[in-house]
């Protein structure tokens, strides 16, 4: 970690209630328990700014590096999303997720500088999960913090870092990162090495999510992060290695009217290529026209996929005993232009997060063919809008 002094302690009562009123995050801010339900999350709050507006992605923006790794406060929402599949030498399999969300309370024109270390116009939320495949257990946690007093934030100086309390990812060298999180008796401590560099998603890094002007995000990924380190569960540490994936999105946007959720796939093939596809689901059961994807070759070349360039069919379902949501539980993914066909299934059925908003995100495995040759691999799938609609949020 850098030399910043981090103060990890409670919220002063006055500021806490102010943020509760503005963000409507209610008593969930106090809770560190995964079962806590918050009715309006950092991602989904609909507070009306007092004056001014946030920047919007209109298609004229360009991603620049390393600047785009750092915070972009002119936009209302952004996230840094790490997922991965890890194994011990003996073959024990773990999946993990460590994600950081920033949500602005006020647009830039409304922000008034204040001297207090506690003053903030940013709220951070983070999720940490561990899928212990062998033990058939899924651990998940959620935290909120203000973007002040060293409690949570993101920076590029002296190097890229994003953190919430002691959950953090920081750049430690060229293309090298340290990822750490611990909660109760579950922890990950990993070194990630980027093998391909930033991969631009959508059209040169602009991912359109709906027909409205500005209903888009700046979106890039690191699709092949060689990973090694240790996973701790039940008080026992396991040396591991494997692959991770990072998604970075920046926007002032929301799902269009009639879009209730999305299915997102990040798949790492054993031939050195990757596939990202997502489907926007409509309330009438149809697939939204702005569903999209990217096929990444072993050498990092990309091919953009529109809605009609891939197909995802559901082969089985699973009903959550926690939320009652019925999720897809096995899929067939086809990309005809690449002669690619994959059978994908969860490594554990119950990988649902019942947190501020209910969604399923978990480790998957797959087998199939590419150009007539067998391929296999692992990845992550995210499913939203099955237990509750996410219309109007992003």
Foldseek 3Di string as FASTA:
>chain_A
DDPDDADDDDDDPVVVVVCCVLQVQPPQQVDWDLQDAGQGDLQRGDGDAPDDDADFCQPPDADDPPVQLFDDQSFFKKKKKKKWWKAFPVGFIKIKIKMKMKGFSHHPVPDDDDDDQQDARIKMKIKIWMQRLVVLDIDITMHIDGCGRNQWHFDCVVHTKGDHHPFIWTADDVQKIWGWDDDDQKIDTKIWGQPAPKAAADDNQWQAQDDDRRQIKRKIKRQWIWMWDWITDPRDIGTITGTMMIMIITGRHFHAPQFFWKKWWWWQKPQQKIKIWMWGAGPVGDTDQSTWIWIADNNGDIDIGGPVQKDKDADAWDADPSLRFIGRAWIWIDGVVQQWIKTKGFSHRPQWRNYNFIWHKGKMWIWTDTPRHIMIGITMMIIPRRSHGRGGGD
